[in-house]
Amino acid sequence: MDVFETPKPLIKVDGTSLVSRTVEALQKAGIKDIAVVVEKGNTVIGKELFDFKGIRFIEQVSGKRGMLDSLLTLKGVVKGPFLVTVCDLVTAKNPYKEILKSVKPKDTLAALVSRDSMHNANAGANVRVRYNKTDVEEMGKSLKQWNALDIGIYYFTDKALIEFHALDKKKRLTSVPELFSVYAEKKGLRASFYDAEWFDINVPKTLIRAELFLANQKNGHEKGDTPRGLQKDAPVMRTLTDAKRTVTDIIVKRDIL
């Protein structure tokens, strides 16, 4: 999604670009070594993150398979357990702290998922997850039976990355959900659960929701109240439709701007 021809990582929410918000959240979670995968020749992300310390940039070899190619680019470049994340999230809680506190020493791969139906309805994400207890069974955009949504944050070990390349050579994969579904069946994939509001900024309406949510939080903190976006009795956003088309699914509430 581009806003007035602005690349998505540079889109600002509450005055801060999405990629800067991501790096800030990672650093607050105690992560000091941060690698950003960029397209070959891309310099705008580096300029945006110029003031951050501990950032290195890795050029993506191929970009035809999106995040899957970004992920496979990391082989031999990063060492030890690491996180892989999208950079288009706005969250109520630090998601990186959430996944790090839930993984176990034996885990080679974990995915952060949301199972809260109300939060998921407004999140704007579209990758569905079917899990059983703490095990992910399958991921995909067209799953008919599912009970969570994929947030786009993953925990890896070197072993998992090596196994990814082996799986990709055996069967040319097309997406991260497909890779994870194959891996879950063969090796196992832990589900780490995130239980707060979140937004995947893929379309303008989700960007608006995120802005309204952050304004809610800010107003609540300024008044010393619980942020309205976190209240259990907060109004639910509803879809207003007529016989021909969807009019809007954004409700602007009083006193939030």
C-alpha atoms as a PDB file:
ATOM      1  CA  MET A   1       0.000   0.000   0.000  1.00  0.00           C
ATOM      2  CA  ASP A   2       1.357   3.412  -0.995  1.00  0.00           C
ATOM      3  CA  VAL A   3       0.008   6.649   0.449  1.00  0.00           C
ATOM      4  CA  PHE A   4       0.626   9.436  -2.036  1.00  0.00           C
ATOM      5  CA  GLU A   5       3.403   7.276  -3.569  1.00  0.00           C
ATOM      6  CA  THR A   6       5.116   6.751  -0.202  1.00  0.00           C
ATOM      7  CA  PRO A   7       6.570   3.221   0.212  1.00  0.00           C
ATOM      8  CA  LYS A   8       4.687   1.349   2.924  1.00  0.00           C
ATOM      9  CA  PRO A   9       7.596   1.179   5.429  1.00  0.00           C
ATOM     10  CA  LEU A  10       7.737   4.995   5.338  1.00  0.00           C
ATOM     11  CA  ILE A  11       4.017   5.580   5.902  1.00  0.00           C
ATOM     12  CA  LYS A  12       3.592   7.497   9.141  1.00  0.00           C
ATOM     13  CA  VAL A  13       1.178   6.531  11.898  1.00  0.00           C
ATOM     14  CA  ASP A  14       0.856   9.057  14.704  1.00  0.00           C
ATOM     15  CA  GLY A  15       3.822  10.925  13.242  1.00  0.00           C
ATOM     16  CA  THR A  16       6.250   7.977  13.110  1.00  0.00           C
ATOM     17  CA  SER A  17       7.023   5.790  10.085  1.00  0.00           C
ATOM     18  CA  LEU A  18       6.069   2.118  10.268  1.00  0.00           C
ATOM     19  CA  VAL A  19       9.665   0.948   9.897  1.00  0.00           C
ATOM     20  CA  SER A  20      10.837   3.305  12.667  1.00  0.00           C
ATOM     21  CA  ARG A  21       8.043   2.072  14.950  1.00  0.00           C
ATOM     22  CA  THR A  22       9.215  -1.495  14.287  1.00  0.00           C
ATOM     23  CA  VAL A  23      12.848  -0.757  15.111  1.00  0.00           C
ATOM     24  CA  GLU A  24      11.872   1.140  18.278  1.00  0.00           C
ATOM     25  CA  ALA A  25       9.733  -1.791  19.461  1.00  0.00           C
ATOM     26  CA  LEU A  26      12.547  -4.276  18.775  1.00  0.00           C
ATOM     27  CA  GLN A  27      15.025  -2.182  20.738  1.00  0.00           C
ATOM     28  CA  LYS A  28      12.579  -1.848  23.639  1.00  0.00           C
ATOM     29  CA  ALA A  29      12.352  -5.651  23.662  1.00  0.00           C
ATOM     30  CA  GLY A  30      16.111  -5.771  24.233  1.00  0.00           C
ATOM     31  CA  ILE A  31      17.153  -6.626  20.678  1.00  0.00           C
ATOM     32  CA  LYS A  32      20.355  -4.815  19.722  1.00  0.00           C
ATOM     33  CA  ASP A  33      21.435  -6.483  16.462  1.00  0.00           C
ATOM     34  CA  ILE A  34      18.822  -5.595  13.837  1.00  0.00           C
ATOM     35  CA  ALA A  35      19.127  -6.514  10.151  1.00  0.00           C
ATOM     36  CA  VAL A  36      16.790  -4.916   7.616  1.00  0.00           C
ATOM     37  CA  VAL A  37      16.268  -6.723   4.310  1.00  0.00           C
ATOM     38  CA  VAL A  38      15.873  -4.252   1.428  1.00  0.00           C
ATOM     39  CA  GLU A  39      15.595  -4.439  -2.330  1.00  0.00           C
ATOM     40  CA  LYS A  40      18.826  -4.021  -4.238  1.00  0.00           C
ATOM     41  CA  GLY A  41      19.667  -0.337  -4.607  1.00  0.00           C
ATOM     42  CA  ASN A  42      17.111   0.806  -2.033  1.00  0.00           C
ATOM     43  CA  THR A  43      18.526   3.708  -0.025  1.00  0.00           C
ATOM     44  CA  VAL A  44      15.382   5.388   1.324  1.00  0.00           C
ATOM     45  CA  ILE A  45      14.997   2.930   4.224  1.00  0.00           C
ATOM     46  CA  GLY A  46      18.602   3.534   5.262  1.00  0.00           C
ATOM     47  CA  LYS A  47      18.001   7.287   5.287  1.00  0.00           C
ATOM     48  CA  GLU A  48      14.865   6.830   7.404  1.00  0.00           C
ATOM     49  CA  LEU A  49      16.750   4.726   9.977  1.00  0.00           C
ATOM     50  CA  PHE A  50      19.943   6.805   9.939  1.00  0.00           C
ATOM     51  CA  ASP A  51      19.643   7.869  13.587  1.00  0.00           C
ATOM     52  CA  PHE A  52      19.201   4.337  14.932  1.00  0.00           C
ATOM     53  CA  LYS A  53      22.216   2.414  16.226  1.00  0.00           C
ATOM     54  CA  GLY A  54      22.846  -1.282  15.583  1.00  0.00           C
ATOM     55  CA  ILE A  55      21.136  -1.416  12.190  1.00  0.00           C
ATOM     56  CA  ARG A  56      22.614  -3.305   9.246  1.00  0.00           C
ATOM     57  CA  PHE A  57      21.131  -3.714   5.791  1.00  0.00           C
ATOM     58  CA  ILE A  58      20.939  -6.885   3.695  1.00  0.00           C
ATOM     59  CA  GLU A  59      20.117  -6.719   0.003  1.00  0.00           C
ATOM     60  CA  GLN A  60      17.486  -9.204  -1.093  1.00  0.00           C
ATOM     61  CA  VAL A  61      18.689 -11.445  -3.916  1.00  0.00           C
ATOM     62  CA  SER A  62      15.249 -11.951  -5.474  1.00  0.00           C
ATOM     63  CA  GLY A  63      11.925 -10.321  -4.711  1.00  0.00           C
ATOM     64  CA  LYS A  64       9.423 -12.327  -6.750  1.00  0.00           C
ATOM     65  CA  ARG A  65       8.166 -14.272  -3.698  1.00  0.00           C
ATOM     66  CA  GLY A  66       8.005 -11.336  -1.301  1.00  0.00           C
ATOM     67  CA  MET A  67       8.724 -12.082   2.331  1.00  0.00           C
ATOM     68  CA  LEU A  68       9.704 -15.689   1.519  1.00  0.00           C
ATOM     69  CA  ASP A  69      12.692 -14.486  -0.498  1.00  0.00           C
ATOM     70  CA  SER A  70      13.571 -12.012   2.262  1.00  0.00           C
ATOM     71  CA  LEU A  71      13.552 -14.865   4.751  1.00  0.00           C
ATOM     72  CA  LEU A  72      15.688 -17.204   2.657  1.00  0.00           C
ATOM     73  CA  THR A  73      18.194 -14.369   2.083  1.00  0.00           C
ATOM     74  CA  LEU A  74      19.148 -14.595   5.774  1.00  0.00           C
ATOM     75  CA  LYS A  75      20.918 -17.968   5.493  1.00  0.00           C
ATOM     76  CA  GLY A  76      24.567 -17.554   6.439  1.00  0.00           C
ATOM     77  CA  VAL A  77      24.034 -13.873   7.284  1.00  0.00           C
ATOM     78  CA  VAL A  78      22.461 -14.094  10.755  1.00  0.00           C
ATOM     79  CA  LYS A  79      23.461 -16.468  13.540  1.00  0.00           C
ATOM     80  CA  GLY A  80      21.779 -17.778  16.650  1.00  0.00           C
ATOM     81  CA  PRO A  81      18.084 -17.497  17.543  1.00  0.00           C
ATOM     82  CA  PHE A  82      16.494 -14.486  15.849  1.00  0.00           C
ATOM     83  CA  LEU A  83      13.165 -12.871  15.073  1.00  0.00           C
ATOM     84  CA  VAL A  84      11.762 -12.134  11.645  1.00  0.00           C
ATOM     85  CA  THR A  85       9.052  -9.485  11.418  1.00  0.00           C
ATOM     86  CA  VAL A  86       7.012  -7.530   8.939  1.00  0.00           C
ATOM     87  CA  CYS A  87       7.262  -3.755   9.365  1.00  0.00           C
ATOM     88  CA  ASP A  88       3.628  -2.739   8.896  1.00  0.00           C
ATOM     89  CA  LEU A  89       2.218  -3.393  12.373  1.00  0.00           C
ATOM     90  CA  VAL A  90       0.695  -1.111  14.986  1.00  0.00           C
ATOM     91  CA  THR A  91       0.133  -2.895  18.296  1.00  0.00           C
ATOM     92  CA  ALA A  92      -1.196  -2.128  21.776  1.00  0.00           C
ATOM     93  CA  LYS A  93       1.532  -4.218  23.444  1.00  0.00           C
ATOM     94  CA  ASN A  94       5.114  -4.872  22.404  1.00  0.00           C
ATOM     95  CA  PRO A  95       4.719  -8.047  20.289  1.00  0.00           C
ATOM     96  CA  TYR A  96       8.421  -8.906  20.382  1.00  0.00           C
ATOM     97  CA  LYS A  97       8.400  -9.139  24.159  1.00  0.00           C
ATOM     98  CA  GLU A  98       5.339 -11.381  23.903  1.00  0.00           C
ATOM     99  CA  ILE A  99       6.891 -13.919  21.551  1.00  0.00           C
ATOM    100  CA  LEU A 100      10.260 -13.971  23.323  1.00  0.00           C
ATOM    101  CA  LYS A 101       8.737 -14.775  26.699  1.00  0.00           C
ATOM    102  CA  SER A 102       6.685 -17.648  25.259  1.00  0.00           C
ATOM    103  CA  VAL A 103       9.263 -19.639  23.270  1.00  0.00           C
ATOM    104  CA  LYS A 104      10.909 -22.684  24.834  1.00  0.00           C
ATOM    105  CA  PRO A 105      14.584 -23.757  24.538  1.00  0.00           C
ATOM    106  CA  LYS A 106      13.592 -26.727  22.343  1.00  0.00           C
ATOM    107  CA  ASP A 107      11.633 -24.598  19.844  1.00  0.00           C
ATOM    108  CA  THR A 108      13.186 -24.157  16.404  1.00  0.00           C
ATOM    109  CA  LEU A 109      10.307 -22.116  15.004  1.00  0.00           C
ATOM    110  CA  ALA A 110       7.419 -20.149  16.532  1.00  0.00           C
ATOM    111  CA  ALA A 111       4.789 -17.837  15.061  1.00  0.00           C
ATOM    112  CA  LEU A 112       2.950 -15.065  16.899  1.00  0.00           C
ATOM    113  CA  VAL A 113      -0.804 -15.400  16.335  1.00  0.00           C
ATOM    114  CA  SER A 114      -3.956 -13.673  17.557  1.00  0.00           C
ATOM    115  CA  ARG A 115      -6.984 -15.741  18.550  1.00  0.00           C
ATOM    116  CA  ASP A 116      -9.170 -12.851  19.783  1.00  0.00           C
ATOM    117  CA  SER A 117     -12.070 -12.587  17.327  1.00  0.00           C
ATOM    118  CA  MET A 118     -12.883  -8.936  18.116  1.00  0.00           C
ATOM    119  CA  HIS A 119      -9.280  -7.786  17.701  1.00  0.00           C
ATOM    120  CA  ASN A 120      -8.904  -9.870  14.536  1.00  0.00           C
ATOM    121  CA  ALA A 121     -12.045  -8.389  12.983  1.00  0.00           C
ATOM    122  CA  ASN A 122     -10.425  -4.951  12.942  1.00  0.00           C
ATOM    123  CA  ALA A 123      -6.805  -6.007  12.358  1.00  0.00           C
ATOM    124  CA  GLY A 124      -6.895  -6.051   8.552  1.00  0.00           C
ATOM    125  CA  ALA A 125      -4.814  -9.253   8.319  1.00  0.00           C
ATOM    126  CA  ASN A 126      -5.723 -12.102   5.982  1.00  0.00           C
ATOM    127  CA  VAL A 127      -3.434 -15.072   6.752  1.00  0.00           C
ATOM    128  CA  ARG A 128      -5.463 -17.610   8.681  1.00  0.00           C
ATOM    129  CA  VAL A 129      -4.067 -20.102  11.183  1.00  0.00           C
ATOM    130  CA  ARG A 130      -5.369 -23.379  12.494  1.00  0.00           C
ATOM    131  CA  TYR A 131      -3.762 -24.420  15.772  1.00  0.00           C
ATOM    132  CA  ASN A 132      -4.296 -27.104  18.387  1.00  0.00           C
ATOM    133  CA  LYS A 133      -3.237 -26.179  21.928  1.00  0.00           C
ATOM    134  CA  THR A 134       0.178 -24.614  21.216  1.00  0.00           C
ATOM    135  CA  ASP A 135       0.890 -26.290  17.866  1.00  0.00           C
ATOM    136  CA  VAL A 136       0.253 -24.608  14.510  1.00  0.00           C
ATOM    137  CA  GLU A 137      -1.213 -27.146  12.089  1.00  0.00           C
ATOM    138  CA  GLU A 138      -1.686 -25.040   8.970  1.00  0.00           C
ATOM    139  CA  MET A 139      -1.526 -21.477   7.612  1.00  0.00           C
ATOM    140  CA  GLY A 140      -3.049 -19.881   4.536  1.00  0.00           C
ATOM    141  CA  LYS A 141      -5.332 -17.174   3.196  1.00  0.00           C
ATOM    142  CA  SER A 142      -8.005 -19.625   2.070  1.00  0.00           C
ATOM    143  CA  LEU A 143      -8.286 -22.003   5.027  1.00  0.00           C
ATOM    144  CA  LYS A 144     -11.901 -23.002   5.588  1.00  0.00           C
ATOM    145  CA  GLN A 145     -11.345 -24.027   9.215  1.00  0.00           C
ATOM    146  CA  TRP A 146      -9.227 -21.669  11.292  1.00  0.00           C
ATOM    147  CA  ASN A 147      -9.125 -20.242  14.819  1.00  0.00           C
ATOM    148  CA  ALA A 148      -6.458 -17.501  14.705  1.00  0.00           C
ATOM    149  CA  LEU A 149      -4.711 -14.973  12.458  1.00  0.00           C
ATOM    150  CA  ASP A 150      -1.006 -14.793  11.698  1.00  0.00           C
ATOM    151  CA  ILE A 151       0.490 -11.492  12.895  1.00  0.00           C
ATOM    152  CA  GLY A 152       3.716 -11.705  10.884  1.00  0.00           C
ATOM    153  CA  ILE A 153       6.332 -12.133  13.633  1.00  0.00           C
ATOM    154  CA  TYR A 154       8.387 -15.321  13.883  1.00  0.00           C
ATOM    155  CA  TYR A 155      11.103 -16.852  16.061  1.00  0.00           C
ATOM    156  CA  PHE A 156      13.804 -18.910  14.330  1.00  0.00           C
ATOM    157  CA  THR A 157      16.956 -20.854  15.004  1.00  0.00           C
ATOM    158  CA  ASP A 158      19.759 -21.490  12.501  1.00  0.00           C
ATOM    159  CA  LYS A 159      18.501 -25.067  12.205  1.00  0.00           C
ATOM    160  CA  ALA A 160      15.068 -23.934  11.021  1.00  0.00           C
ATOM    161  CA  LEU A 161      16.568 -21.676   8.348  1.00  0.00           C
ATOM    162  CA  ILE A 162      18.747 -24.502   6.986  1.00  0.00           C
ATOM    163  CA  GLU A 163      15.709 -26.786   6.901  1.00  0.00           C
ATOM    164  CA  PHE A 164      13.720 -24.081   5.067  1.00  0.00           C
ATOM    165  CA  HIS A 165      16.245 -24.072   2.230  1.00  0.00           C
ATOM    166  CA  ALA A 166      16.094 -27.861   2.038  1.00  0.00           C
ATOM    167  CA  LEU A 167      12.287 -27.794   1.837  1.00  0.00           C
ATOM    168  CA  ASP A 168      12.371 -25.067  -0.824  1.00  0.00           C
ATOM    169  CA  LYS A 169      14.777 -27.084  -2.980  1.00  0.00           C
ATOM    170  CA  LYS A 170      12.589 -30.170  -2.657  1.00  0.00           C
ATOM    171  CA  LYS A 171       9.387 -28.321  -3.508  1.00  0.00           C
ATOM    172  CA  ARG A 172       9.527 -24.820  -4.970  1.00  0.00           C
ATOM    173  CA  LEU A 173       7.422 -22.895  -2.453  1.00  0.00           C
ATOM    174  CA  THR A 174       5.497 -19.698  -3.179  1.00  0.00           C
ATOM    175  CA  SER A 175       4.835 -18.017   0.179  1.00  0.00           C
ATOM    176  CA  VAL A 176       5.703 -17.955   3.878  1.00  0.00           C
ATOM    177  CA  PRO A 177       2.346 -19.508   4.913  1.00  0.00           C
ATOM    178  CA  GLU A 178       2.949 -22.414   2.539  1.00  0.00           C
ATOM    179  CA  LEU A 179       6.480 -22.890   3.885  1.00  0.00           C
ATOM    180  CA  PHE A 180       5.272 -22.832   7.480  1.00  0.00           C
ATOM    181  CA  SER A 181       2.445 -25.279   6.756  1.00  0.00           C
ATOM    182  CA  VAL A 182       4.920 -27.761   5.270  1.00  0.00           C
ATOM    183  CA  TYR A 183       7.354 -27.209   8.135  1.00  0.00           C
ATOM    184  CA  ALA A 184       4.620 -27.585  10.769  1.00  0.00           C
ATOM    185  CA  GLU A 185       3.626 -30.945   9.329  1.00  0.00           C
ATOM    186  CA  LYS A 186       7.188 -32.275   9.177  1.00  0.00           C
ATOM    187  CA  LYS A 187       8.977 -30.608  12.099  1.00  0.00           C
ATOM    188  CA  GLY A 188       6.454 -28.776  14.271  1.00  0.00           C
ATOM    189  CA  LEU A 189       5.644 -25.101  14.751  1.00  0.00           C
ATOM    190  CA  ARG A 190       4.832 -23.443  18.081  1.00  0.00           C
ATOM    191  CA  ALA A 191       1.961 -20.976  18.336  1.00  0.00           C
ATOM    192  CA  SER A 192       2.752 -17.980  20.534  1.00  0.00           C
ATOM    193  CA  PHE A 193      -0.333 -15.998  21.469  1.00  0.00           C
ATOM    194  CA  TYR A 194      -0.824 -12.227  21.386  1.00  0.00           C
ATOM    195  CA  ASP A 195      -3.913 -11.002  23.262  1.00  0.00           C
ATOM    196  CA  ALA A 196      -4.165  -7.254  22.621  1.00  0.00           C
ATOM    197  CA  GLU A 197      -5.321  -4.957  19.818  1.00  0.00           C
ATOM    198  CA  TRP A 198      -3.253  -4.882  16.650  1.00  0.00           C
ATOM    199  CA  PHE A 199      -3.424  -3.568  13.107  1.00  0.00           C
ATOM    200  CA  ASP A 200      -1.804  -4.840   9.917  1.00  0.00           C
ATOM    201  CA  ILE A 201      -1.474  -1.735   7.750  1.00  0.00           C
ATOM    202  CA  ASN A 202      -2.315  -3.062   4.291  1.00  0.00           C
ATOM    203  CA  VAL A 203      -5.211  -0.850   3.231  1.00  0.00           C
ATOM    204  CA  PRO A 204      -6.233   2.754   4.019  1.00  0.00           C
ATOM    205  CA  LYS A 205      -9.105   1.781   6.329  1.00  0.00           C
ATOM    206  CA  THR A 206      -6.743  -0.157   8.632  1.00  0.00           C
ATOM    207  CA  LEU A 207      -4.402   2.832   8.678  1.00  0.00           C
ATOM    208  CA  ILE A 208      -7.332   4.985   9.829  1.00  0.00           C
ATOM    209  CA  ARG A 209      -8.247   2.454  12.513  1.00  0.00           C
ATOM    210  CA  ALA A 210      -4.670   2.464  13.807  1.00  0.00           C
ATOM    211  CA  GLU A 211      -4.592   6.274  13.919  1.00  0.00           C
ATOM    212  CA  LEU A 212      -7.886   6.348  15.842  1.00  0.00           C
ATOM    213  CA  PHE A 213      -6.670   3.684  18.247  1.00  0.00           C
ATOM    214  CA  LEU A 214      -3.442   5.568  19.012  1.00  0.00           C
ATOM    215  CA  ALA A 215      -5.400   8.790  19.480  1.00  0.00           C
ATOM    216  CA  ASN A 216      -7.636   6.918  21.930  1.00  0.00           C
ATOM    217  CA  GLN A 217      -4.613   5.713  23.867  1.00  0.00           C
ATOM    218  CA  LYS A 218      -3.017   9.154  23.935  1.00  0.00           C
ATOM    219  CA  ASN A 219      -6.199  10.883  25.124  1.00  0.00           C
ATOM    220  CA  GLY A 220      -6.752   8.259  27.791  1.00  0.00           C
ATOM    221  CA  HIS A 221      -3.231   8.652  29.158  1.00  0.00           C
ATOM    222  CA  GLU A 222      -3.462  12.437  29.158  1.00  0.00           C
ATOM    223  CA  LYS A 223      -6.668  12.306  31.210  1.00  0.00           C
ATOM    224  CA  GLY A 224      -5.357   9.603  33.515  1.00  0.00           C
ATOM    225  CA  ASP A 225      -7.985   7.136  32.335  1.00  0.00           C
ATOM    226  CA  THR A 226      -7.726   3.674  30.858  1.00  0.00           C
ATOM    227  CA  PRO A 227      -7.245   4.179  27.104  1.00  0.00           C
ATOM    228  CA  ARG A 228     -10.617   3.772  25.440  1.00  0.00           C
ATOM    229  CA  GLY A 229      -9.149   1.359  22.909  1.00  0.00           C
ATOM    230  CA  LEU A 230      -8.398  -1.065  25.758  1.00  0.00           C
ATOM    231  CA  GLN A 231     -11.727  -0.873  27.557  1.00  0.00           C
ATOM    232  CA  LYS A 232     -13.859  -3.995  27.460  1.00  0.00           C
ATOM    233  CA  ASP A 233     -17.014  -1.972  26.845  1.00  0.00           C
ATOM    234  CA  ALA A 234     -15.539   0.079  23.992  1.00  0.00           C
ATOM    235  CA  PRO A 235     -17.932   0.469  21.027  1.00  0.00           C
ATOM    236  CA  VAL A 236     -17.427  -2.136  18.329  1.00  0.00           C
ATOM    237  CA  MET A 237     -16.741  -0.850  14.821  1.00  0.00           C
ATOM    238  CA  ARG A 238     -19.562  -1.991  12.573  1.00  0.00           C
ATOM    239  CA  THR A 239     -19.977  -2.196   8.829  1.00  0.00           C
ATOM    240  CA  LEU A 240     -22.584   0.151   7.381  1.00  0.00           C
ATOM    241  CA  THR A 241     -24.010  -1.154   4.136  1.00  0.00           C
ATOM    242  CA  ASP A 242     -26.756  -0.363   1.693  1.00  0.00           C
ATOM    243  CA  ALA A 243     -28.272  -2.612  -0.947  1.00  0.00           C
ATOM    244  CA  LYS A 244     -25.529  -1.928  -3.486  1.00  0.00           C
ATOM    245  CA  ARG A 245     -22.202  -1.434  -1.742  1.00  0.00           C
ATOM    246  CA  THR A 246     -20.284  -1.032   1.490  1.00  0.00           C
ATOM    247  CA  VAL A 247     -20.358   2.614   2.544  1.00  0.00           C
ATOM    248  CA  THR A 248     -17.807   2.505   5.362  1.00  0.00           C
ATOM    249  CA  ASP A 249     -16.598   0.385   8.222  1.00  0.00           C
ATOM    250  CA  ILE A 250     -15.006   3.190  10.225  1.00  0.00           C
ATOM    251  CA  ILE A 251     -16.837   4.856  13.091  1.00  0.00           C
ATOM    252  CA  VAL A 252     -15.329   8.131  14.275  1.00  0.00           C
ATOM    253  CA  LYS A 253     -16.068   8.469  17.996  1.00  0.00           C
ATOM    254  CA  ARG A 254     -16.323  11.687  19.968  1.00  0.00           C
ATOM    255  CA  ASP A 255     -13.385  13.207  21.845  1.00  0.00           C
ATOM    256  CA  ILE A 256     -10.657  11.103  20.285  1.00  0.00           C
ATOM    257  CA  LEU A 257      -9.000  13.737  18.085  1.00  0.00           C
END
